[in-house]
mmCIF file of all heavy atoms, coordinates in Angstrom:
data_MODEL
# 
_entry.id   MODEL 
# 
loop_
_atom_site.group_PDB 
_atom_site.id 
_atom_site.type_symbol 
_atom_site.label_atom_id 
_atom_site.label_alt_id 
_atom_site.label_comp_id 
_atom_site.label_asym_id 
_atom_site.label_entity_id 
_atom_site.label_seq_id 
_atom_site.pdbx_PDB_ins_code 
_atom_site.Cartn_x 
_atom_site.Cartn_y 
_atom_site.Cartn_z 
_atom_site.occupancy 
_atom_site.B_iso_or_equiv 
_atom_site.pdbx_formal_charge 
_atom_site.auth_seq_id 
_atom_site.auth_comp_id 
_atom_site.auth_asym_id 
_atom_site.auth_atom_id 
_atom_site.pdbx_PDB_model_num 
ATOM 1   N N   . ILE A 1 1  ? 149.755 -51.636 -36.672 1.00 0.00 ? 1  ILE A N   1 
ATOM 2   C CA  . ILE A 1 1  ? 149.561 -51.181 -38.067 1.00 0.00 ? 1  ILE A CA  1 
ATOM 3   C C   . ILE A 1 1  ? 148.123 -50.783 -38.352 1.00 0.00 ? 1  ILE A C   1 
ATOM 4   O O   . ILE A 1 1  ? 147.880 -49.702 -38.976 1.00 0.00 ? 1  ILE A O   1 
ATOM 5   C CB  . ILE A 1 1  ? 150.056 -52.198 -39.064 1.00 0.00 ? 1  ILE A CB  1 
ATOM 6   C CG1 . ILE A 1 1  ? 151.631 -52.384 -38.875 1.00 0.00 ? 1  ILE A CG1 1 
ATOM 7   C CG2 . ILE A 1 1  ? 149.750 -51.806 -40.468 1.00 0.00 ? 1  ILE A CG2 1 
ATOM 8   C CD1 . ILE A 1 1  ? 152.174 -53.620 -39.573 1.00 0.00 ? 1  ILE A CD1 1 
ATOM 9   N N   . PHE A 1 2  ? 147.214 -51.599 -37.958 1.00 0.00 ? 2  PHE A N   1 
ATOM 10  C CA  . PHE A 1 2  ? 145.755 -51.311 -38.203 1.00 0.00 ? 2  PHE A CA  1 
ATOM 11  C C   . PHE A 1 2  ? 145.367 -50.031 -37.435 1.00 0.00 ? 2  PHE A C   1 
ATOM 12  O O   . PHE A 1 2  ? 144.544 -49.260 -37.906 1.00 0.00 ? 2  PHE A O   1 
ATOM 13  C CB  . PHE A 1 2  ? 144.891 -52.493 -37.863 1.00 0.00 ? 2  PHE A CB  1 
ATOM 14  C CG  . PHE A 1 2  ? 145.063 -53.661 -38.778 1.00 0.00 ? 2  PHE A CG  1 
ATOM 15  C CD1 . PHE A 1 2  ? 145.219 -54.962 -38.303 1.00 0.00 ? 2  PHE A CD1 1 
ATOM 16  C CD2 . PHE A 1 2  ? 145.062 -53.451 -40.175 1.00 0.00 ? 2  PHE A CD2 1 
ATOM 17  C CE1 . PHE A 1 2  ? 145.310 -56.042 -39.175 1.00 0.00 ? 2  PHE A CE1 1 
ATOM 18  C CE2 . PHE A 1 2  ? 145.199 -54.515 -41.044 1.00 0.00 ? 2  PHE A CE2 1 
ATOM 19  C CZ  . PHE A 1 2  ? 145.323 -55.797 -40.536 1.00 0.00 ? 2  PHE A CZ  1 
ATOM 20  N N   . LYS A 1 3  ? 145.868 -49.873 -36.190 1.00 0.00 ? 3  LYS A N   1 
ATOM 21  C CA  . LYS A 1 3  ? 145.565 -48.630 -35.464 1.00 0.00 ? 3  LYS A CA  1 
ATOM 22  C C   . LYS A 1 3  ? 146.090 -47.431 -36.164 1.00 0.00 ? 3  LYS A C   1 
ATOM 23  O O   . LYS A 1 3  ? 145.411 -46.357 -36.134 1.00 0.00 ? 3  LYS A O   1 
ATOM 24  C CB  . LYS A 1 3  ? 146.212 -48.735 -34.019 1.00 0.00 ? 3  LYS A CB  1 
ATOM 25  C CG  . LYS A 1 3  ? 145.427 -49.618 -33.077 1.00 0.00 ? 3  LYS A CG  1 
ATOM 26  C CD  . LYS A 1 3  ? 146.202 -49.931 -31.826 1.00 0.00 ? 3  LYS A CD  1 
ATOM 27  C CE  . LYS A 1 3  ? 146.543 -48.703 -31.021 1.00 0.00 ? 3  LYS A CE  1 
ATOM 28  N NZ  . LYS A 1 3  ? 147.254 -49.071 -29.747 1.00 0.00 ? 3  LYS A NZ  1 
ATOM 29  N N   . ILE A 1 4  ? 147.295 -47.475 -36.783 1.00 0.00 ? 4  ILE A N   1 
ATOM 30  C CA  . ILE A 1 4  ? 147.797 -46.371 -37.523 1.00 0.00 ? 4  ILE A CA  1 
ATOM 31  C C   . ILE A 1 4  ? 146.843 -46.084 -38.771 1.00 0.00 ? 4  ILE A C   1 
ATOM 32  O O   . ILE A 1 4  ? 146.557 -44.924 -39.075 1.00 0.00 ? 4  ILE A O   1 
ATOM 33  C CB  . ILE A 1 4  ? 149.245 -46.677 -38.041 1.00 0.00 ? 4  ILE A CB  1 
ATOM 34  C CG1 . ILE A 1 4  ? 150.182 -46.574 -36.852 1.00 0.00 ? 4  ILE A CG1 1 
ATOM 35  C CG2 . ILE A 1 4  ? 149.656 -45.736 -39.153 1.00 0.00 ? 4  ILE A CG2 1 
ATOM 36  C CD1 . ILE A 1 4  ? 151.591 -47.030 -37.075 1.00 0.00 ? 4  ILE A CD1 1 
ATOM 37  N N   . ASN A 1 5  ? 146.397 -47.186 -39.395 1.00 0.00 ? 5  ASN A N   1 
ATOM 38  C CA  . ASN A 1 5  ? 145.490 -46.977 -40.560 1.00 0.00 ? 5  ASN A CA  1 
ATOM 39  C C   . ASN A 1 5  ? 144.189 -46.357 -40.092 1.00 0.00 ? 5  ASN A C   1 
ATOM 40  O O   . ASN A 1 5  ? 143.670 -45.485 -40.825 1.00 0.00 ? 5  ASN A O   1 
ATOM 41  C CB  . ASN A 1 5  ? 145.194 -48.354 -41.201 1.00 0.00 ? 5  ASN A CB  1 
ATOM 42  C CG  . ASN A 1 5  ? 145.294 -48.305 -42.721 1.00 0.00 ? 5  ASN A CG  1 
ATOM 43  O OD1 . ASN A 1 5  ? 145.685 -47.314 -43.328 1.00 0.00 ? 5  ASN A OD1 1 
ATOM 44  N ND2 . ASN A 1 5  ? 144.933 -49.386 -43.381 1.00 0.00 ? 5  ASN A ND2 1 
ATOM 45  N N   . VAL A 1 6  ? 143.733 -46.700 -38.967 1.00 0.00 ? 6  VAL A N   1 
ATOM 46  C CA  . VAL A 1 6  ? 142.528 -46.082 -38.357 1.00 0.00 ? 6  VAL A CA  1 
ATOM 47  C C   . VAL A 1 6  ? 142.727 -44.590 -38.153 1.00 0.00 ? 6  VAL A C   1 
ATOM 48  O O   . VAL A 1 6  ? 141.889 -43.734 -38.461 1.00 0.00 ? 6  VAL A O   1 
ATOM 49  C CB  . VAL A 1 6  ? 142.066 -46.771 -37.066 1.00 0.00 ? 6  VAL A CB  1 
ATOM 50  C CG1 . VAL A 1 6  ? 141.037 -45.939 -36.330 1.00 0.00 ? 6  VAL A CG1 1 
ATOM 51  C CG2 . VAL A 1 6  ? 141.509 -48.174 -37.378 1.00 0.00 ? 6  VAL A CG2 1 
ATOM 52  N N   . ALA A 1 7  ? 143.907 -44.244 -37.607 1.00 0.00 ? 7  ALA A N   1 
ATOM 53  C CA  . ALA A 1 7  ? 144.244 -42.856 -37.317 1.00 0.00 ? 7  ALA A CA  1 
ATOM 54  C C   . ALA A 1 7  ? 144.383 -42.031 -38.574 1.00 0.00 ? 7  ALA A C   1 
ATOM 55  O O   . ALA A 1 7  ? 143.965 -40.854 -38.630 1.00 0.00 ? 7  ALA A O   1 
ATOM 56  C CB  . ALA A 1 7  ? 145.569 -42.812 -36.462 1.00 0.00 ? 7  ALA A CB  1 
ATOM 57  N N   . LEU A 1 8  ? 144.890 -42.689 -39.619 1.00 0.00 ? 8  LEU A N   1 
ATOM 58  C CA  . LEU A 1 8  ? 145.090 -41.944 -40.859 1.00 0.00 ? 8  LEU A CA  1 
ATOM 59  C C   . LEU A 1 8  ? 143.835 -41.817 -41.698 1.00 0.00 ? 8  LEU A C   1 
ATOM 60  O O   . LEU A 1 8  ? 143.610 -40.839 -42.422 1.00 0.00 ? 8  LEU A O   1 
ATOM 61  C CB  . LEU A 1 8  ? 146.185 -42.631 -41.720 1.00 0.00 ? 8  LEU A CB  1 
ATOM 62  C CG  . LEU A 1 8  ? 147.592 -42.639 -41.189 1.00 0.00 ? 8  LEU A CG  1 
ATOM 63  C CD1 . LEU A 1 8  ? 148.515 -43.389 -42.139 1.00 0.00 ? 8  LEU A CD1 1 
ATOM 64  C CD2 . LEU A 1 8  ? 148.136 -41.198 -40.928 1.00 0.00 ? 8  LEU A CD2 1 
ATOM 65  N N   . TYR A 1 9  ? 142.934 -42.891 -41.547 1.00 0.00 ? 9  TYR A N   1 
ATOM 66  C CA  . TYR A 1 9  ? 141.732 -42.880 -42.401 1.00 0.00 ? 9  TYR A CA  1 
ATOM 67  C C   . TYR A 1 9  ? 140.520 -43.215 -41.515 1.00 0.00 ? 9  TYR A C   1 
ATOM 68  O O   . TYR A 1 9  ? 139.885 -44.250 -41.604 1.00 0.00 ? 9  TYR A O   1 
ATOM 69  C CB  . TYR A 1 9  ? 141.892 -43.947 -43.513 1.00 0.00 ? 9  TYR A CB  1 
ATOM 70  C CG  . TYR A 1 9  ? 143.071 -43.697 -44.372 1.00 0.00 ? 9  TYR A CG  1 
ATOM 71  C CD1 . TYR A 1 9  ? 144.268 -44.406 -44.175 1.00 0.00 ? 9  TYR A CD1 1 
ATOM 72  C CD2 . TYR A 1 9  ? 143.054 -42.738 -45.400 1.00 0.00 ? 9  TYR A CD2 1 
ATOM 73  C CE1 . TYR A 1 9  ? 145.428 -44.160 -44.962 1.00 0.00 ? 9  TYR A CE1 1 
ATOM 74  C CE2 . TYR A 1 9  ? 144.148 -42.494 -46.176 1.00 0.00 ? 9  TYR A CE2 1 
ATOM 75  C CZ  . TYR A 1 9  ? 145.356 -43.225 -45.931 1.00 0.00 ? 9  TYR A CZ  1 
ATOM 76  O OH  . TYR A 1 9  ? 146.488 -42.947 -46.715 1.00 0.00 ? 9  TYR A OH  1 
ATOM 77  N N   . PRO A 1 10 ? 140.139 -42.260 -40.650 1.00 0.00 ? 10 PRO A N   1 
ATOM 78  C CA  . PRO A 1 10 ? 139.057 -42.526 -39.670 1.00 0.00 ? 10 PRO A CA  1 
ATOM 79  C C   . PRO A 1 10 ? 137.692 -42.662 -40.296 1.00 0.00 ? 10 PRO A C   1 
ATOM 80  O O   . PRO A 1 10 ? 136.780 -43.127 -39.611 1.00 0.00 ? 10 PRO A O   1 
ATOM 81  C CB  . PRO A 1 10 ? 139.156 -41.296 -38.760 1.00 0.00 ? 10 PRO A CB  1 
ATOM 82  C CG  . PRO A 1 10 ? 139.782 -40.247 -39.605 1.00 0.00 ? 10 PRO A CG  1 
ATOM 83  C CD  . PRO A 1 10 ? 140.747 -40.945 -40.520 1.00 0.00 ? 10 PRO A CD  1 
ATOM 84  N N   . ASN A 1 11 ? 137.490 -42.295 -41.561 1.00 0.00 ? 11 ASN A N   1 
ATOM 85  C CA  . ASN A 1 11 ? 136.226 -42.392 -42.177 1.00 0.00 ? 11 ASN A CA  1 
ATOM 86  C C   . ASN A 1 11 ? 136.103 -43.601 -43.142 1.00 0.00 ? 11 ASN A C   1 
ATOM 87  O O   . ASN A 1 11 ? 135.177 -43.697 -43.943 1.00 0.00 ? 11 ASN A O   1 
ATOM 88  C CB  . ASN A 1 11 ? 135.933 -41.133 -43.003 1.00 0.00 ? 11 ASN A CB  1 
ATOM 89  C CG  . ASN A 1 11 ? 135.871 -39.894 -42.053 1.00 0.00 ? 11 ASN A CG  1 
ATOM 90  O OD1 . ASN A 1 11 ? 135.235 -39.957 -41.048 1.00 0.00 ? 11 ASN A OD1 1 
ATOM 91  N ND2 . ASN A 1 11 ? 136.468 -38.786 -42.527 1.00 0.00 ? 11 ASN A ND2 1 
ATOM 92  N N   . SER A 1 12 ? 137.068 -44.504 -43.041 1.00 0.00 ? 12 SER A N   1 
ATOM 93  C CA  . SER A 1 12 ? 137.057 -45.746 -43.827 1.00 0.00 ? 12 SER A CA  1 
ATOM 94  C C   . SER A 1 12 ? 136.493 -46.892 -43.019 1.00 0.00 ? 12 SER A C   1 
ATOM 95  O O   . SER A 1 12 ? 136.975 -47.188 -41.957 1.00 0.00 ? 12 SER A O   1 
ATOM 96  C CB  . SER A 1 12 ? 138.461 -46.045 -44.304 1.00 0.00 ? 12 SER A CB  1 
ATOM 97  O OG  . SER A 1 12 ? 138.541 -47.378 -44.835 1.00 0.00 ? 12 SER A OG  1 
ATOM 98  N N   . SER A 1 13 ? 135.451 -47.528 -43.594 1.00 0.00 ? 13 SER A N   1 
ATOM 99  C CA  . SER A 1 13 ? 134.927 -48.709 -42.977 1.00 0.00 ? 13 SER A CA  1 
ATOM 100 C C   . SER A 1 13 ? 135.901 -49.850 -42.875 1.00 0.00 ? 13 SER A C   1 
ATOM 101 O O   . SER A 1 13 ? 135.921 -50.603 -41.896 1.00 0.00 ? 13 SER A O   1 
ATOM 102 C CB  . SER A 1 13 ? 133.681 -49.169 -43.777 1.00 0.00 ? 13 SER A CB  1 
ATOM 103 O OG  . SER A 1 13 ? 133.203 -50.434 -43.310 1.00 0.00 ? 13 SER A OG  1 
ATOM 104 N N   . ASN A 1 14 ? 136.691 -50.004 -43.915 1.00 0.00 ? 14 ASN A N   1 
ATOM 105 C CA  . ASN A 1 14 ? 137.592 -51.132 -44.050 1.00 0.00 ? 14 ASN A CA  1 
ATOM 106 C C   . ASN A 1 14 ? 138.668 -51.169 -42.976 1.00 0.00 ? 14 ASN A C   1 
ATOM 107 O O   . ASN A 1 14 ? 139.045 -52.215 -42.477 1.00 0.00 ? 14 ASN A O   1 
ATOM 108 C CB  . ASN A 1 14 ? 138.250 -51.202 -45.441 1.00 0.00 ? 14 ASN A CB  1 
ATOM 109 C CG  . ASN A 1 14 ? 138.940 -52.479 -45.678 1.00 0.00 ? 14 ASN A CG  1 
ATOM 110 O OD1 . ASN A 1 14 ? 138.429 -53.562 -45.554 1.00 0.00 ? 14 ASN A OD1 1 
ATOM 111 N ND2 . ASN A 1 14 ? 140.258 -52.402 -46.029 1.00 0.00 ? 14 ASN A ND2 1 
ATOM 112 N N   . VAL A 1 15 ? 139.179 -49.995 -42.568 1.00 0.00 ? 15 VAL A N   1 
ATOM 113 C CA  . VAL A 1 15 ? 140.283 -49.988 -41.550 1.00 0.00 ? 15 VAL A CA  1 
ATOM 114 C C   . VAL A 1 15 ? 139.772 -50.509 -40.237 1.00 0.00 ? 15 VAL A C   1 
ATOM 115 O O   . VAL A 1 15 ? 140.506 -51.187 -39.486 1.00 0.00 ? 15 VAL A O   1 
ATOM 116 C CB  . VAL A 1 15 ? 140.905 -48.568 -41.428 1.00 0.00 ? 15 VAL A CB  1 
ATOM 117 C CG1 . VAL A 1 15 ? 141.546 -48.139 -42.713 1.00 0.00 ? 15 VAL A CG1 1 
ATOM 118 C CG2 . VAL A 1 15 ? 139.936 -47.503 -40.983 1.00 0.00 ? 15 VAL A CG2 1 
ATOM 119 N N   . TYR A 1 16 ? 138.506 -50.195 -39.873 1.00 0.00 ? 16 TYR A N   1 
ATOM 120 C CA  . TYR A 1 16 ? 137.979 -50.685 -38.594 1.00 0.00 ? 16 TYR A CA  1 
ATOM 121 C C   . TYR A 1 16 ? 137.686 -52.175 -38.707 1.00 0.00 ? 16 TYR A C   1 
ATOM 122 O O   . TYR A 1 16 ? 137.897 -52.934 -37.690 1.00 0.00 ? 16 TYR A O   1 
ATOM 123 C CB  . TYR A 1 16 ? 136.637 -49.940 -38.282 1.00 0.00 ? 16 TYR A CB  1 
ATOM 124 C CG  . TYR A 1 16 ? 136.879 -48.488 -37.944 1.00 0.00 ? 16 TYR A CG  1 
ATOM 125 C CD1 . TYR A 1 16 ? 136.680 -47.519 -38.928 1.00 0.00 ? 16 TYR A CD1 1 
ATOM 126 C CD2 . TYR A 1 16 ? 137.253 -48.107 -36.668 1.00 0.00 ? 16 TYR A CD2 1 
ATOM 127 C CE1 . TYR A 1 16 ? 136.913 -46.172 -38.597 1.00 0.00 ? 16 TYR A CE1 1 
ATOM 128 C CE2 . TYR A 1 16 ? 137.520 -46.745 -36.348 1.00 0.00 ? 16 TYR A CE2 1 
ATOM 129 C CZ  . TYR A 1 16 ? 137.326 -45.803 -37.345 1.00 0.00 ? 16 TYR A CZ  1 
ATOM 130 O OH  . TYR A 1 16 ? 137.514 -44.450 -37.050 1.00 0.00 ? 16 TYR A OH  1 
ATOM 131 N N   . ASP A 1 17 ? 137.230 -52.605 -39.848 1.00 0.00 ? 17 ASP A N   1 
ATOM 132 C CA  . ASP A 1 17 ? 136.988 -54.045 -40.045 1.00 0.00 ? 17 ASP A CA  1 
ATOM 133 C C   . ASP A 1 17 ? 138.313 -54.892 -39.898 1.00 0.00 ? 17 ASP A C   1 
ATOM 134 O O   . ASP A 1 17 ? 138.281 -55.924 -39.269 1.00 0.00 ? 17 ASP A O   1 
ATOM 135 C CB  . ASP A 1 17 ? 136.437 -54.244 -41.502 1.00 0.00 ? 17 ASP A CB  1 
ATOM 136 C CG  . ASP A 1 17 ? 135.994 -55.687 -41.745 1.00 0.00 ? 17 ASP A CG  1 
ATOM 137 O OD1 . ASP A 1 17 ? 134.944 -56.073 -41.209 1.00 0.00 ? 17 ASP A OD1 1 
ATOM 138 O OD2 . ASP A 1 17 ? 136.757 -56.389 -42.392 1.00 0.00 ? 17 ASP A OD2 1 
ATOM 139 N N   . SER A 1 18 ? 139.365 -54.331 -40.487 1.00 0.00 ? 18 SER A N   1 
ATOM 140 C CA  . SER A 1 18 ? 140.654 -55.022 -40.414 1.00 0.00 ? 18 SER A CA  1 
ATOM 141 C C   . SER A 1 18 ? 141.199 -54.966 -38.934 1.00 0.00 ? 18 SER A C   1 
ATOM 142 O O   . SER A 1 18 ? 141.752 -55.984 -38.453 1.00 0.00 ? 18 SER A O   1 
ATOM 143 C CB  . SER A 1 18 ? 141.715 -54.367 -41.340 1.00 0.00 ? 18 SER A CB  1 
ATOM 144 O OG  . SER A 1 18 ? 141.268 -54.414 -42.692 1.00 0.00 ? 18 SER A OG  1 
ATOM 145 N N   . TYR A 1 19 ? 141.086 -53.834 -38.342 1.00 0.00 ? 19 TYR A N   1 
ATOM 146 C CA  . TYR A 1 19 ? 141.500 -53.749 -36.936 1.00 0.00 ? 19 TYR A CA  1 
ATOM 147 C C   . TYR A 1 19 ? 140.727 -54.708 -36.027 1.00 0.00 ? 19 TYR A C   1 
ATOM 148 O O   . TYR A 1 19 ? 141.259 -55.398 -35.177 1.00 0.00 ? 19 TYR A O   1 
ATOM 149 C CB  . TYR A 1 19 ? 141.196 -52.307 -36.494 1.00 0.00 ? 19 TYR A CB  1 
ATOM 150 C CG  . TYR A 1 19 ? 141.652 -51.949 -35.026 1.00 0.00 ? 19 TYR A CG  1 
ATOM 151 C CD1 . TYR A 1 19 ? 142.751 -52.542 -34.435 1.00 0.00 ? 19 TYR A CD1 1 
ATOM 152 C CD2 . TYR A 1 19 ? 140.919 -51.017 -34.334 1.00 0.00 ? 19 TYR A CD2 1 
ATOM 153 C CE1 . TYR A 1 19 ? 143.075 -52.254 -33.158 1.00 0.00 ? 19 TYR A CE1 1 
ATOM 154 C CE2 . TYR A 1 19 ? 141.269 -50.663 -33.056 1.00 0.00 ? 19 TYR A CE2 1 
ATOM 155 C CZ  . TYR A 1 19 ? 142.370 -51.298 -32.441 1.00 0.00 ? 19 TYR A CZ  1 
ATOM 156 O OH  . TYR A 1 19 ? 142.691 -51.000 -31.126 1.00 0.00 ? 19 TYR A OH  1 
ATOM 157 N N   . ALA A 1 20 ? 139.404 -54.856 -36.300 1.00 0.00 ? 20 ALA A N   1 
ATOM 158 C CA  . ALA A 1 20 ? 138.583 -55.761 -35.566 1.00 0.00 ? 20 ALA A CA  1 
ATOM 159 C C   . ALA A 1 20 ? 139.045 -57.252 -35.794 1.00 0.00 ? 20 ALA A C   1 
ATOM 160 O O   . ALA A 1 20 ? 139.084 -58.060 -34.870 1.00 0.00 ? 20 ALA A O   1 
ATOM 161 C CB  . ALA A 1 20 ? 137.144 -55.643 -35.929 1.00 0.00 ? 20 ALA A CB  1 
ATOM 162 N N   . ASP A 1 21 ? 139.456 -57.519 -37.019 1.00 0.00 ? 21 ASP A N   1 
ATOM 163 C CA  . ASP A 1 21 ? 139.915 -58.921 -37.335 1.00 0.00 ? 21 ASP A CA  1 
ATOM 164 C C   . ASP A 1 21 ? 141.121 -59.241 -36.478 1.00 0.00 ? 21 ASP A C   1 
ATOM 165 O O   . ASP A 1 21 ? 141.261 -60.377 -35.952 1.00 0.00 ? 21 ASP A O   1 
ATOM 166 C CB  . ASP A 1 21 ? 140.281 -59.001 -38.794 1.00 0.00 ? 21 ASP A CB  1 
ATOM 167 C CG  . ASP A 1 21 ? 139.039 -59.158 -39.690 1.00 0.00 ? 21 ASP A CG  1 
ATOM 168 O OD1 . ASP A 1 21 ? 137.994 -59.437 -39.230 1.00 0.00 ? 21 ASP A OD1 1 
ATOM 169 O OD2 . ASP A 1 21 ? 139.276 -59.020 -40.951 1.00 0.00 ? 21 ASP A OD2 1 
ATOM 170 N N   . ALA A 1 22 ? 142.069 -58.276 -36.367 1.00 0.00 ? 22 ALA A N   1 
ATOM 171 C CA  . ALA A 1 22 ? 143.254 -58.489 -35.587 1.00 0.00 ? 22 ALA A CA  1 
ATOM 172 C C   . ALA A 1 22 ? 142.984 -58.659 -34.084 1.00 0.00 ? 22 ALA A C   1 
ATOM 173 O O   . ALA A 1 22 ? 143.496 -59.493 -33.420 1.00 0.00 ? 22 ALA A O   1 
ATOM 174 C CB  . ALA A 1 22 ? 144.236 -57.353 -35.822 1.00 0.00 ? 22 ALA A CB  1 
ATOM 175 N N   . LEU A 1 23 ? 142.019 -57.749 -33.576 1.00 0.00 ? 23 LEU A N   1 
ATOM 176 C CA  . LEU A 1 23 ? 141.611 -57.905 -32.218 1.00 0.00 ? 23 LEU A CA  1 
ATOM 177 C C   . LEU A 1 23 ? 140.945 -59.291 -31.922 1.00 0.00 ? 23 LEU A C   1 
ATOM 178 O O   . LEU A 1 23 ? 141.233 -59.852 -30.859 1.00 0.00 ? 23 LEU A O   1 
ATOM 179 C CB  . LEU A 1 23 ? 140.668 -56.761 -31.854 1.00 0.00 ? 23 LEU A CB  1 
ATOM 180 C CG  . LEU A 1 23 ? 141.272 -55.409 -31.875 1.00 0.00 ? 23 LEU A CG  1 
ATOM 181 C CD1 . LEU A 1 23 ? 140.169 -54.292 -31.842 1.00 0.00 ? 23 LEU A CD1 1 
ATOM 182 C CD2 . LEU A 1 23 ? 142.175 -55.205 -30.638 1.00 0.00 ? 23 LEU A CD2 1 
ATOM 183 N N   . PHE A 1 24 ? 140.190 -59.724 -32.836 1.00 0.00 ? 24 PHE A N   1 
ATOM 184 C CA  . PHE A 1 24 ? 139.527 -60.978 -32.671 1.00 0.00 ? 24 PHE A CA  1 
ATOM 185 C C   . PHE A 1 24 ? 140.522 -62.131 -32.655 1.00 0.00 ? 24 PHE A C   1 
ATOM 186 O O   . PHE A 1 24 ? 140.486 -63.039 -31.774 1.00 0.00 ? 24 PHE A O   1 
ATOM 187 C CB  . PHE A 1 24 ? 138.548 -61.273 -33.849 1.00 0.00 ? 24 PHE A CB  1 
ATOM 188 C CG  . PHE A 1 24 ? 138.054 -62.679 -33.937 1.00 0.00 ? 24 PHE A CG  1 
ATOM 189 C CD1 . PHE A 1 24 ? 137.333 -63.269 -32.937 1.00 0.00 ? 24 PHE A CD1 1 
ATOM 190 C CD2 . PHE A 1 24 ? 138.371 -63.444 -35.058 1.00 0.00 ? 24 PHE A CD2 1 
ATOM 191 C CE1 . PHE A 1 24 ? 136.895 -64.595 -32.994 1.00 0.00 ? 24 PHE A CE1 1 
ATOM 192 C CE2 . PHE A 1 24 ? 137.967 -64.785 -35.160 1.00 0.00 ? 24 PHE A CE2 1 
ATOM 193 C CZ  . PHE A 1 24 ? 137.242 -65.347 -34.156 1.00 0.00 ? 24 PHE A CZ  1 
# 
């Protein structure tokens, strides 16, 4: 889900932060 958010909103800081939380 976070990867999809990154793909849809690549210029958003928050989507990468959330994706990183899940990876961690």
